Amino acid sequence: MKRTFCVFALPVIAIITNSTAQTTIETFAGTDELIIEAWFFKPLSRDYKFTIFSLNDAVIEYDTEEAEFVSYTIIGYDVWKGFGPVSGGRVFDGRASALAGIQWANTGERFLITTNITTEIRDAPFYEWYLLAQYRFPLNEKLNFFGQLQNSTNFNSDSHLFTFQRLRVGAGLKKFQFGLGLNTYQFGNGWDFEIDPGVFLRLEF
């Protein structure tokens, strides 16, 4: 059954367009699917004690034209050198859950790393390990190298559910990044493997 899909503007986008935040909208066109992703990472206080990370995306299968939507937001508190507790919420495949866990985050002029382990606050919870790592450096006066890796590993008390990686390697020109991408997936206890290469275009502001 066909379903229409729309990525709505993030409700807090007005407060994240400053030099200390990174906000991204990306389209990835693979051989099997189209992914539209919007995320941001922002300090909520001048001393970076509080941060917010939000990821919203849709995976649209070419064969069925069905879209799977994920919305995920956590607020973290830096207790010591980027380590600290997080709390937030997630909506995934119609399953809405509050989240709690622990995070480590670090940012610099050329890199961004944020990783966390969270659990749903509910009976029979899902657990997740999430990683976002990004690196860039100048190639010449106009172009920058851009590289990014995302990993999400999801499991419950009994088994591994699924894991994905999203690798992006390319170049940046002003507010745009573009290049080659590779999505890989592993499913179930057997870690059945799938791969989807493609290209990406990002707008960052």
N, C-alpha and C. Protein backbone atom coordinates (compact mmCIF):
# COMPACT_ATOMS: atom_id res chain seq x y z
N MET A 1 0.84 -1.19 0.00
CA MET A 1 0.00 0.00 0.00
C MET A 1 0.88 1.25 0.00
N LYS A 2 0.60 2.16 -0.91
CA LYS A 2 1.41 3.36 -1.00
C LYS A 2 1.07 4.31 0.14
N ARG A 3 2.12 4.99 0.61
CA ARG A 3 1.91 5.99 1.65
C ARG A 3 2.69 7.24 1.27
N THR A 4 2.12 8.38 1.52
CA THR A 4 2.83 9.63 1.28
C THR A 4 3.62 9.97 2.51
N PHE A 5 4.69 10.75 2.29
CA PHE A 5 5.60 11.06 3.39
C PHE A 5 6.02 12.52 3.32
N CYS A 6 6.11 13.15 4.46
CA CYS A 6 6.57 14.54 4.54
C CYS A 6 7.41 14.69 5.78
N VAL A 7 8.62 15.29 5.64
CA VAL A 7 9.45 15.61 6.79
C VAL A 7 9.12 17.03 7.22
N PHE A 8 8.54 17.16 8.40
CA PHE A 8 8.15 18.47 8.89
C PHE A 8 9.34 19.19 9.49
N ALA A 9 9.29 20.50 9.48
CA ALA A 9 10.34 21.30 10.10
C ALA A 9 10.42 20.97 11.58
N LEU A 10 11.63 20.90 12.09
CA LEU A 10 11.82 20.62 13.50
C LEU A 10 11.28 21.78 14.32
N PRO A 11 10.56 21.50 15.38
CA PRO A 11 9.90 22.58 16.12
C PRO A 11 10.85 23.54 16.79
N VAL A 12 12.09 23.13 16.99
CA VAL A 12 13.03 24.03 17.67
C VAL A 12 14.06 24.59 16.72
N ILE A 13 13.79 24.57 15.41
CA ILE A 13 14.81 24.98 14.45
C ILE A 13 15.18 26.45 14.60
N ALA A 14 14.29 27.24 15.14
CA ALA A 14 14.59 28.66 15.30
C ALA A 14 15.70 28.92 16.30
N ILE A 15 15.95 27.97 17.23
CA ILE A 15 16.95 28.23 18.25
C ILE A 15 18.28 27.56 17.95
N ILE A 16 18.42 26.92 16.77
CA ILE A 16 19.63 26.16 16.53
C ILE A 16 20.49 26.70 15.40
N THR A 17 20.11 27.80 14.81
CA THR A 17 20.87 28.34 13.70
C THR A 17 21.91 29.34 14.18
N ASN A 18 22.85 28.88 15.03
CA ASN A 18 23.96 29.72 15.43
C ASN A 18 25.24 28.94 15.24
N SER A 19 26.36 29.58 15.47
CA SER A 19 27.65 29.00 15.12
C SER A 19 28.03 27.81 16.00
N THR A 20 27.38 27.64 17.13
CA THR A 20 27.72 26.52 18.01
C THR A 20 26.88 25.29 17.73
N ALA A 21 25.95 25.38 16.78
CA ALA A 21 25.08 24.25 16.46
C ALA A 21 25.41 23.72 15.08
N GLN A 22 25.08 22.46 14.86
CA GLN A 22 25.13 21.90 13.53
C GLN A 22 23.78 21.32 13.20
N THR A 23 23.19 21.79 12.11
CA THR A 23 21.90 21.34 11.64
C THR A 23 22.06 20.84 10.21
N THR A 24 21.53 19.67 9.93
CA THR A 24 21.77 19.02 8.64
C THR A 24 20.49 18.46 8.07
N ILE A 25 20.30 18.64 6.79
CA ILE A 25 19.27 17.94 6.03
C ILE A 25 19.98 17.19 4.92
N GLU A 26 19.76 15.87 4.85
CA GLU A 26 20.47 15.03 3.88
C GLU A 26 19.50 14.17 3.10
N THR A 27 19.78 14.02 1.82
CA THR A 27 19.10 13.05 0.98
C THR A 27 20.11 12.03 0.48
N PHE A 28 19.83 10.76 0.71
CA PHE A 28 20.68 9.68 0.23
C PHE A 28 19.87 8.84 -0.75
N ALA A 29 20.37 8.71 -1.98
CA ALA A 29 19.72 7.89 -2.99
C ALA A 29 20.54 6.63 -3.20
N GLY A 30 20.05 5.52 -2.68
CA GLY A 30 20.73 4.25 -2.83
C GLY A 30 20.15 3.43 -3.96
N THR A 31 20.64 2.23 -4.12
CA THR A 31 20.12 1.35 -5.16
C THR A 31 18.77 0.74 -4.78
N ASP A 32 18.48 0.65 -3.47
CA ASP A 32 17.24 0.02 -3.00
C ASP A 32 16.28 0.97 -2.31
N GLU A 33 16.78 2.11 -1.83
CA GLU A 33 15.94 2.97 -1.01
C GLU A 33 16.41 4.41 -1.05
N LEU A 34 15.50 5.29 -0.66
CA LEU A 34 15.78 6.71 -0.52
C LEU A 34 15.66 7.06 0.96
N ILE A 35 16.65 7.77 1.50
CA ILE A 35 16.62 8.19 2.90
C ILE A 35 16.65 9.71 2.96
N ILE A 36 15.70 10.27 3.67
CA ILE A 36 15.67 11.71 3.95
C ILE A 36 15.90 11.87 5.44
N GLU A 37 16.93 12.61 5.80
CA GLU A 37 17.35 12.69 7.20
C GLU A 37 17.57 14.14 7.60
N ALA A 38 17.08 14.50 8.77
CA ALA A 38 17.33 15.82 9.35
C ALA A 38 17.79 15.62 10.79
N TRP A 39 18.91 16.22 11.15
CA TRP A 39 19.37 16.10 12.53
C TRP A 39 20.08 17.38 12.97
N PHE A 40 20.14 17.56 14.28
CA PHE A 40 20.93 18.66 14.81
C PHE A 40 21.56 18.28 16.14
N PHE A 41 22.67 18.93 16.43
CA PHE A 41 23.38 18.79 17.70
C PHE A 41 23.71 20.19 18.19
N LYS A 42 23.34 20.50 19.42
CA LYS A 42 23.47 21.88 19.90
C LYS A 42 23.70 21.93 21.40
N PRO A 43 24.63 22.78 21.85
CA PRO A 43 24.71 23.05 23.29
C PRO A 43 23.55 23.94 23.71
N LEU A 44 22.98 23.64 24.87
CA LEU A 44 21.88 24.44 25.40
C LEU A 44 22.35 25.44 26.44
N SER A 45 23.62 25.36 26.81
CA SER A 45 24.19 26.32 27.76
C SER A 45 25.58 26.71 27.28
N ARG A 46 26.04 27.87 27.69
CA ARG A 46 27.32 28.38 27.21
C ARG A 46 28.50 27.51 27.63
N ASP A 47 28.38 26.84 28.75
CA ASP A 47 29.47 25.97 29.21
C ASP A 47 29.35 24.54 28.67
N TYR A 48 28.41 24.31 27.74
CA TYR A 48 28.20 23.00 27.11
C TYR A 48 27.80 21.92 28.12
N LYS A 49 27.32 22.31 29.28
CA LYS A 49 26.87 21.30 30.24
C LYS A 49 25.64 20.55 29.74
N PHE A 50 24.74 21.28 29.10
CA PHE A 50 23.55 20.68 28.54
C PHE A 50 23.63 20.71 27.01
N THR A 51 23.31 19.58 26.37
CA THR A 51 23.28 19.49 24.92
C THR A 51 22.00 18.78 24.49
N ILE A 52 21.63 19.03 23.25
CA ILE A 52 20.48 18.33 22.68
C ILE A 52 20.89 17.74 21.34
N PHE A 53 20.48 16.50 21.12
CA PHE A 53 20.70 15.84 19.84
C PHE A 53 19.37 15.30 19.35
N SER A 54 19.02 15.60 18.09
CA SER A 54 17.76 15.14 17.53
C SER A 54 17.99 14.60 16.13
N LEU A 55 17.40 13.45 15.85
CA LEU A 55 17.50 12.79 14.55
C LEU A 55 16.11 12.43 14.08
N ASN A 56 15.77 12.85 12.86
CA ASN A 56 14.47 12.54 12.28
C ASN A 56 14.70 12.09 10.84
N ASP A 57 14.27 10.87 10.51
CA ASP A 57 14.48 10.42 9.14
C ASP A 57 13.37 9.50 8.66
N ALA A 58 13.37 9.32 7.34
CA ALA A 58 12.45 8.40 6.69
C ALA A 58 13.22 7.55 5.70
N VAL A 59 12.93 6.27 5.70
CA VAL A 59 13.52 5.33 4.74
C VAL A 59 12.40 4.89 3.81
N ILE A 60 12.54 5.19 2.54
CA ILE A 60 11.49 4.93 1.56
C ILE A 60 11.98 3.84 0.60
N GLU A 61 11.30 2.70 0.60
CA GLU A 61 11.65 1.59 -0.28
C GLU A 61 11.13 1.87 -1.69
N TYR A 62 12.01 1.69 -2.69
CA TYR A 62 11.59 1.93 -4.07
C TYR A 62 10.50 0.96 -4.51
N ASP A 63 10.62 -0.31 -4.13
CA ASP A 63 9.69 -1.33 -4.62
C ASP A 63 8.26 -1.10 -4.13
N THR A 64 8.14 -0.76 -2.86
CA THR A 64 6.81 -0.64 -2.26
C THR A 64 6.34 0.81 -2.12
N GLU A 65 7.29 1.76 -2.18
CA GLU A 65 7.02 3.18 -1.95
C GLU A 65 6.49 3.43 -0.54
N GLU A 66 6.72 2.51 0.38
CA GLU A 66 6.34 2.71 1.77
C GLU A 66 7.48 3.41 2.52
N ALA A 67 7.12 4.22 3.49
CA ALA A 67 8.10 4.98 4.26
C ALA A 67 8.08 4.56 5.72
N GLU A 68 9.26 4.37 6.28
CA GLU A 68 9.40 4.09 7.71
C GLU A 68 10.02 5.31 8.37
N PHE A 69 9.34 5.86 9.37
CA PHE A 69 9.74 7.13 9.97
C PHE A 69 10.29 6.92 11.38
N VAL A 70 11.37 7.61 11.69
CA VAL A 70 11.98 7.58 13.02
C VAL A 70 12.17 9.01 13.51
N SER A 71 11.77 9.28 14.73
CA SER A 71 12.02 10.56 15.38
C SER A 71 12.64 10.29 16.74
N TYR A 72 13.78 10.95 17.01
CA TYR A 72 14.60 10.58 18.17
C TYR A 72 15.25 11.83 18.71
N THR A 73 15.03 12.14 19.98
CA THR A 73 15.60 13.34 20.59
C THR A 73 16.05 13.03 22.01
N ILE A 74 17.27 13.44 22.35
CA ILE A 74 17.76 13.27 23.72
C ILE A 74 18.44 14.56 24.18
N ILE A 75 18.35 14.82 25.46
CA ILE A 75 19.05 15.93 26.10
C ILE A 75 20.07 15.33 27.06
N GLY A 76 21.31 15.79 26.96
CA GLY A 76 22.38 15.25 27.78
C GLY A 76 22.95 16.28 28.73
N TYR A 77 23.52 15.79 29.83
CA TYR A 77 24.18 16.64 30.81
C TYR A 77 25.61 16.15 30.99
N ASP A 78 26.56 17.06 30.83
CA ASP A 78 27.98 16.73 30.93
C ASP A 78 28.42 16.73 32.40
N VAL A 79 28.65 15.54 32.94
CA VAL A 79 29.14 15.42 34.31
C VAL A 79 30.66 15.54 34.35
N TRP A 80 31.34 14.89 33.39
CA TRP A 80 32.80 14.90 33.39
C TRP A 80 33.32 14.64 31.99
N LYS A 81 33.95 15.64 31.38
CA LYS A 81 34.63 15.52 30.09
C LYS A 81 33.77 14.89 29.01
N GLY A 82 32.54 15.34 28.92
CA GLY A 82 31.64 14.87 27.89
C GLY A 82 30.77 13.70 28.28
N PHE A 83 31.09 13.05 29.40
CA PHE A 83 30.28 11.92 29.87
C PHE A 83 29.13 12.42 30.75
N GLY A 84 27.99 11.78 30.62
CA GLY A 84 26.89 12.14 31.48
C GLY A 84 25.60 11.45 31.09
N PRO A 85 24.55 11.63 31.88
CA PRO A 85 23.26 10.99 31.60
C PRO A 85 22.51 11.70 30.48
N VAL A 86 21.61 10.95 29.83
CA VAL A 86 20.73 11.51 28.81
C VAL A 86 19.31 11.04 29.08
N SER A 87 18.36 11.82 28.60
CA SER A 87 16.96 11.42 28.63
C SER A 87 16.27 12.04 27.43
N GLY A 88 15.20 11.40 27.00
CA GLY A 88 14.49 11.91 25.83
C GLY A 88 13.40 10.96 25.41
N GLY A 89 13.17 10.90 24.10
CA GLY A 89 12.11 10.05 23.59
C GLY A 89 12.36 9.65 22.15
N ARG A 90 11.63 8.61 21.71
CA ARG A 90 11.76 8.12 20.35
C ARG A 90 10.42 7.59 19.86
N VAL A 91 10.14 7.84 18.58
CA VAL A 91 9.01 7.22 17.89
C VAL A 91 9.58 6.42 16.74
N PHE A 92 9.32 5.11 16.73
CA PHE A 92 9.85 4.23 15.69
C PHE A 92 8.81 3.19 15.32
N ASP A 93 8.40 3.21 14.04
CA ASP A 93 7.45 2.22 13.53
C ASP A 93 6.19 2.15 14.39
N GLY A 94 5.69 3.33 14.80
CA GLY A 94 4.49 3.40 15.60
C GLY A 94 4.68 3.14 17.08
N ARG A 95 5.93 2.91 17.52
CA ARG A 95 6.23 2.60 18.92
C ARG A 95 6.86 3.85 19.55
N ALA A 96 6.15 4.50 20.46
CA ALA A 96 6.63 5.70 21.14
C ALA A 96 7.14 5.33 22.52
N SER A 97 8.36 5.79 22.86
CA SER A 97 8.96 5.41 24.13
C SER A 97 9.79 6.55 24.70
N ALA A 98 9.76 6.66 26.03
CA ALA A 98 10.72 7.52 26.72
C ALA A 98 12.05 6.78 26.81
N LEU A 99 13.15 7.55 26.82
CA LEU A 99 14.50 6.98 26.82
C LEU A 99 15.31 7.51 27.99
N ALA A 100 16.23 6.70 28.48
CA ALA A 100 17.22 7.13 29.46
C ALA A 100 18.50 6.38 29.17
N GLY A 101 19.63 7.01 29.50
CA GLY A 101 20.90 6.34 29.23
C GLY A 101 22.08 7.20 29.59
N ILE A 102 23.20 6.93 28.92
CA ILE A 102 24.45 7.63 29.17
C ILE A 102 25.07 8.03 27.84
N GLN A 103 25.75 9.16 27.82
CA GLN A 103 26.29 9.74 26.60
C GLN A 103 27.73 10.19 26.79
N TRP A 104 28.49 10.17 25.68
CA TRP A 104 29.76 10.87 25.60
C TRP A 104 29.76 11.70 24.32
N ALA A 105 30.14 12.95 24.41
CA ALA A 105 30.15 13.84 23.25
C ALA A 105 31.39 14.71 23.29
N ASN A 106 31.92 14.99 22.10
CA ASN A 106 33.09 15.87 21.97
C ASN A 106 33.03 16.54 20.61
N THR A 107 33.34 17.83 20.57
CA THR A 107 33.32 18.58 19.33
C THR A 107 34.59 19.40 19.20
N GLY A 108 34.97 19.66 17.98
CA GLY A 108 36.11 20.50 17.68
C GLY A 108 35.90 21.20 16.36
N GLU A 109 36.90 21.95 15.91
CA GLU A 109 36.78 22.69 14.66
C GLU A 109 36.61 21.76 13.47
N ARG A 110 37.23 20.57 13.53
CA ARG A 110 37.21 19.65 12.41
C ARG A 110 36.41 18.37 12.65
N PHE A 111 35.94 18.15 13.88
CA PHE A 111 35.31 16.87 14.16
C PHE A 111 34.12 17.03 15.10
N LEU A 112 33.26 16.02 15.05
CA LEU A 112 32.13 15.89 15.97
C LEU A 112 31.97 14.42 16.28
N ILE A 113 31.89 14.08 17.56
CA ILE A 113 31.63 12.71 17.98
C ILE A 113 30.57 12.76 19.07
N THR A 114 29.53 11.98 18.90
CA THR A 114 28.56 11.80 19.97
C THR A 114 28.12 10.34 19.96
N THR A 115 28.10 9.73 21.12
CA THR A 115 27.69 8.33 21.23
C THR A 115 26.92 8.14 22.52
N ASN A 116 25.95 7.25 22.49
CA ASN A 116 25.16 7.01 23.69
C ASN A 116 24.62 5.59 23.69
N ILE A 117 24.30 5.13 24.88
CA ILE A 117 23.60 3.87 25.09
C ILE A 117 22.31 4.20 25.84
N THR A 118 21.17 3.81 25.27
CA THR A 118 19.88 4.16 25.87
C THR A 118 19.00 2.93 26.02
N THR A 119 18.05 3.04 26.92
CA THR A 119 17.02 2.02 27.10
C THR A 119 15.66 2.69 27.10
N GLU A 120 14.66 2.03 26.57
CA GLU A 120 13.30 2.50 26.67
C GLU A 120 12.79 2.33 28.10
N ILE A 121 11.98 3.28 28.55
CA ILE A 121 11.39 3.21 29.88
C ILE A 121 10.01 2.58 29.72
N ARG A 122 10.00 1.24 29.68
CA ARG A 122 8.77 0.49 29.49
C ARG A 122 9.03 -0.98 29.73
N ASP A 123 7.97 -1.77 29.80
CA ASP A 123 8.12 -3.22 29.88
C ASP A 123 8.72 -3.74 28.57
N ALA A 124 9.54 -4.78 28.66
CA ALA A 124 10.20 -5.38 27.49
C ALA A 124 10.85 -4.32 26.61
N PRO A 125 11.80 -3.56 27.17
CA PRO A 125 12.38 -2.44 26.42
C PRO A 125 13.33 -2.90 25.31
N PHE A 126 13.49 -2.01 24.32
CA PHE A 126 14.57 -2.10 23.36
C PHE A 126 15.74 -1.28 23.91
N TYR A 127 16.95 -1.73 23.61
CA TYR A 127 18.17 -1.00 23.96
C TYR A 127 18.87 -0.59 22.66
N GLU A 128 19.62 0.51 22.72
CA GLU A 128 20.32 0.97 21.52
C GLU A 128 21.69 1.52 21.88
N TRP A 129 22.69 1.19 21.06
CA TRP A 129 23.96 1.89 21.06
C TRP A 129 24.03 2.70 19.78
N TYR A 130 24.22 4.01 19.92
CA TYR A 130 24.25 4.92 18.76
C TYR A 130 25.58 5.65 18.73
N LEU A 131 26.12 5.83 17.53
CA LEU A 131 27.38 6.57 17.33
C LEU A 131 27.25 7.45 16.10
N LEU A 132 27.67 8.71 16.23
CA LEU A 132 27.83 9.61 15.10
C LEU A 132 29.23 10.20 15.18
N ALA A 133 30.03 9.98 14.14
CA ALA A 133 31.40 10.49 14.08
C ALA A 133 31.58 11.21 12.76
N GLN A 134 32.13 12.41 12.81
CA GLN A 134 32.26 13.25 11.63
C GLN A 134 33.63 13.91 11.63
N TYR A 135 34.23 14.00 10.44
CA TYR A 135 35.55 14.64 10.33
C TYR A 135 35.64 15.38 9.01
N ARG A 136 36.31 16.52 9.03
CA ARG A 136 36.48 17.33 7.82
C ARG A 136 37.78 18.12 7.89
N PHE A 137 38.33 18.42 6.73
CA PHE A 137 39.52 19.27 6.67
C PHE A 137 39.57 19.92 5.30
N PRO A 138 40.26 21.07 5.15
CA PRO A 138 40.29 21.77 3.87
C PRO A 138 41.13 21.03 2.83
N LEU A 139 40.60 20.97 1.60
CA LEU A 139 41.34 20.43 0.46
C LEU A 139 42.00 21.55 -0.35
N ASN A 140 41.31 22.66 -0.49
CA ASN A 140 41.86 23.86 -1.13
C ASN A 140 41.07 25.05 -0.60
N GLU A 141 41.14 26.17 -1.28
CA GLU A 141 40.47 27.38 -0.79
C GLU A 141 38.95 27.27 -0.79
N LYS A 142 38.40 26.39 -1.62
CA LYS A 142 36.96 26.30 -1.75
C LYS A 142 36.37 24.99 -1.22
N LEU A 143 37.10 23.90 -1.39
CA LEU A 143 36.56 22.59 -1.07
C LEU A 143 37.11 22.04 0.23
N ASN A 144 36.29 21.31 0.95
CA ASN A 144 36.68 20.59 2.15
C ASN A 144 36.42 19.10 1.97
N PHE A 145 37.25 18.27 2.60
CA PHE A 145 36.93 16.86 2.71
C PHE A 145 35.85 16.68 3.76
N PHE A 146 34.93 15.77 3.51
CA PHE A 146 33.87 15.48 4.47
C PHE A 146 33.73 13.97 4.62
N GLY A 147 33.73 13.49 5.86
CA GLY A 147 33.50 12.08 6.14
C GLY A 147 32.62 11.93 7.37
N GLN A 148 31.70 10.97 7.32
CA GLN A 148 30.78 10.76 8.45
C GLN A 148 30.39 9.29 8.55
N LEU A 149 30.28 8.81 9.78
CA LEU A 149 29.83 7.45 10.04
C LEU A 149 28.76 7.48 11.12
N GLN A 150 27.66 6.80 10.87
CA GLN A 150 26.64 6.56 11.89
C GLN A 150 26.51 5.06 12.10
N ASN A 151 26.32 4.68 13.34
CA ASN A 151 26.03 3.28 13.68
C ASN A 151 24.89 3.26 14.70
N SER A 152 23.96 2.34 14.50
CA SER A 152 22.87 2.12 15.45
C SER A 152 22.70 0.62 15.63
N THR A 153 22.91 0.15 16.86
CA THR A 153 22.74 -1.26 17.19
C THR A 153 21.58 -1.39 18.17
N ASN A 154 20.57 -2.19 17.81
CA ASN A 154 19.34 -2.31 18.58
C ASN A 154 19.12 -3.76 19.00
N PHE A 155 18.76 -3.94 20.27
CA PHE A 155 18.58 -5.29 20.80
C PHE A 155 17.61 -5.24 21.97
N ASN A 156 17.12 -6.42 22.37
CA ASN A 156 16.31 -6.52 23.58
C ASN A 156 16.98 -7.50 24.52
N SER A 157 16.29 -7.93 25.56
CA SER A 157 16.92 -8.81 26.55
C SER A 157 17.20 -10.20 26.00
N ASP A 158 16.59 -10.55 24.88
CA ASP A 158 16.74 -11.89 24.32
C ASP A 158 17.68 -11.98 23.13
N SER A 159 17.71 -10.94 22.29
CA SER A 159 18.41 -11.09 21.03
C SER A 159 18.78 -9.75 20.41
N HIS A 160 19.66 -9.84 19.43
CA HIS A 160 19.96 -8.70 18.56
C HIS A 160 18.82 -8.51 17.58
N LEU A 161 18.34 -7.28 17.42
CA LEU A 161 17.24 -6.99 16.51
C LEU A 161 17.76 -6.56 15.14
N PHE A 162 18.45 -5.42 15.12
CA PHE A 162 19.04 -4.98 13.86
C PHE A 162 20.14 -3.96 14.17
N THR A 163 21.04 -3.82 13.21
CA THR A 163 22.11 -2.83 13.27
C THR A 163 22.23 -2.21 11.89
N PHE A 164 22.52 -0.90 11.85
CA PHE A 164 22.85 -0.30 10.56
C PHE A 164 24.05 0.61 10.70
N GLN A 165 24.78 0.77 9.60
CA GLN A 165 25.84 1.75 9.48
C GLN A 165 25.55 2.61 8.25
N ARG A 166 25.83 3.90 8.36
CA ARG A 166 25.71 4.83 7.24
C ARG A 166 27.04 5.56 7.09
N LEU A 167 27.74 5.28 6.01
CA LEU A 167 29.04 5.89 5.75
C LEU A 167 28.89 6.90 4.62
N ARG A 168 29.44 8.10 4.83
CA ARG A 168 29.42 9.14 3.82
C ARG A 168 30.85 9.67 3.64
N VAL A 169 31.31 9.74 2.39
CA VAL A 169 32.63 10.28 2.07
C VAL A 169 32.49 11.17 0.84
N GLY A 170 32.96 12.42 0.97
CA GLY A 170 32.82 13.32 -0.16
C GLY A 170 33.51 14.65 0.09
N ALA A 171 32.93 15.69 -0.48
CA ALA A 171 33.51 17.03 -0.41
C ALA A 171 32.45 18.02 0.04
N GLY A 172 32.91 19.13 0.59
CA GLY A 172 32.02 20.19 1.01
C GLY A 172 32.33 21.48 0.29
N LEU A 173 31.28 22.20 -0.12
CA LEU A 173 31.40 23.49 -0.77
C LEU A 173 30.40 24.42 -0.12
N LYS A 174 30.91 25.39 0.64
CA LYS A 174 30.07 26.30 1.41
C LYS A 174 29.15 25.50 2.33
N LYS A 175 27.83 25.60 2.16
CA LYS A 175 26.90 24.93 3.05
C LYS A 175 26.50 23.54 2.58
N PHE A 176 27.07 23.09 1.46
CA PHE A 176 26.69 21.81 0.88
C PHE A 176 27.80 20.78 1.02
N GLN A 177 27.42 19.53 1.21
CA GLN A 177 28.33 18.39 1.15
C GLN A 177 27.70 17.36 0.20
N PHE A 178 28.55 16.66 -0.53
CA PHE A 178 28.05 15.71 -1.52
C PHE A 178 29.12 14.64 -1.75
N GLY A 179 28.69 13.49 -2.21
CA GLY A 179 29.65 12.44 -2.46
C GLY A 179 29.01 11.07 -2.49
N LEU A 180 29.81 10.06 -2.14
CA LEU A 180 29.37 8.67 -2.17
C LEU A 180 28.94 8.22 -0.78
N GLY A 181 27.96 7.33 -0.74
CA GLY A 181 27.47 6.81 0.52
C GLY A 181 27.34 5.30 0.47
N LEU A 182 27.34 4.69 1.64
CA LEU A 182 27.17 3.25 1.75
C LEU A 182 26.39 2.96 3.02
N ASN A 183 25.25 2.29 2.87
CA ASN A 183 24.47 1.84 4.01
C ASN A 183 24.59 0.33 4.13
N THR A 184 24.88 -0.16 5.33
CA THR A 184 24.93 -1.60 5.57
C THR A 184 23.99 -1.94 6.72
N TYR A 185 23.42 -3.15 6.66
CA TYR A 185 22.44 -3.59 7.64
C TYR A 185 22.76 -5.00 8.09
N GLN A 186 22.49 -5.27 9.37
CA GLN A 186 22.61 -6.62 9.91
C GLN A 186 21.33 -6.91 10.73
N PHE A 187 20.75 -8.09 10.52
CA PHE A 187 19.46 -8.40 11.13
C PHE A 187 19.53 -9.69 11.93
N GLY A 188 18.86 -9.68 13.10
CA GLY A 188 18.66 -10.89 13.89
C GLY A 188 19.92 -11.43 14.52
N ASN A 189 19.78 -12.56 15.18
CA ASN A 189 20.93 -13.19 15.85
C ASN A 189 21.95 -13.71 14.86
N GLY A 190 21.52 -13.98 13.63
CA GLY A 190 22.46 -14.41 12.61
C GLY A 190 23.20 -13.28 11.94
N TRP A 191 22.83 -12.03 12.27
CA TRP A 191 23.45 -10.84 11.69
C TRP A 191 23.45 -10.91 10.16
N ASP A 192 22.28 -11.28 9.60
CA ASP A 192 22.15 -11.35 8.13
C ASP A 192 22.47 -9.99 7.53
N PHE A 193 23.31 -9.98 6.52
CA PHE A 193 23.96 -8.76 6.02
C PHE A 193 23.32 -8.28 4.72
N GLU A 194 23.05 -6.96 4.65
CA GLU A 194 22.61 -6.32 3.41
C GLU A 194 23.42 -5.04 3.20
N ILE A 195 23.54 -4.64 1.94
CA ILE A 195 24.34 -3.48 1.61
C ILE A 195 23.61 -2.65 0.56
N ASP A 196 23.71 -1.33 0.67
CA ASP A 196 23.03 -0.43 -0.27
C ASP A 196 23.94 0.77 -0.56
N PRO A 197 24.66 0.77 -1.69
CA PRO A 197 25.49 1.92 -2.05
C PRO A 197 24.66 3.00 -2.72
N GLY A 198 25.18 4.23 -2.73
CA GLY A 198 24.47 5.32 -3.37
C GLY A 198 25.24 6.62 -3.30
N VAL A 199 24.52 7.72 -3.48
CA VAL A 199 25.11 9.05 -3.43
C VAL A 199 24.31 9.91 -2.45
N PHE A 200 24.94 10.96 -1.93
CA PHE A 200 24.25 11.80 -0.96
C PHE A 200 24.47 13.27 -1.29
N LEU A 201 23.53 14.09 -0.84
CA LEU A 201 23.61 15.54 -0.88
C LEU A 201 23.11 16.07 0.43
N ARG A 202 23.91 16.95 1.08
CA ARG A 202 23.58 17.49 2.39
C ARG A 202 23.56 19.01 2.33
N LEU A 203 22.68 19.59 3.11
CA LEU A 203 22.67 21.03 3.37
C LEU A 203 22.90 21.21 4.85
N GLU A 204 23.89 22.02 5.20
CA GLU A 204 24.26 22.22 6.59
C GLU A 204 24.20 23.70 6.93
N PHE A 205 23.56 24.01 8.05
CA PHE A 205 23.45 25.43 8.43
C PHE A 205 23.38 25.56 9.94
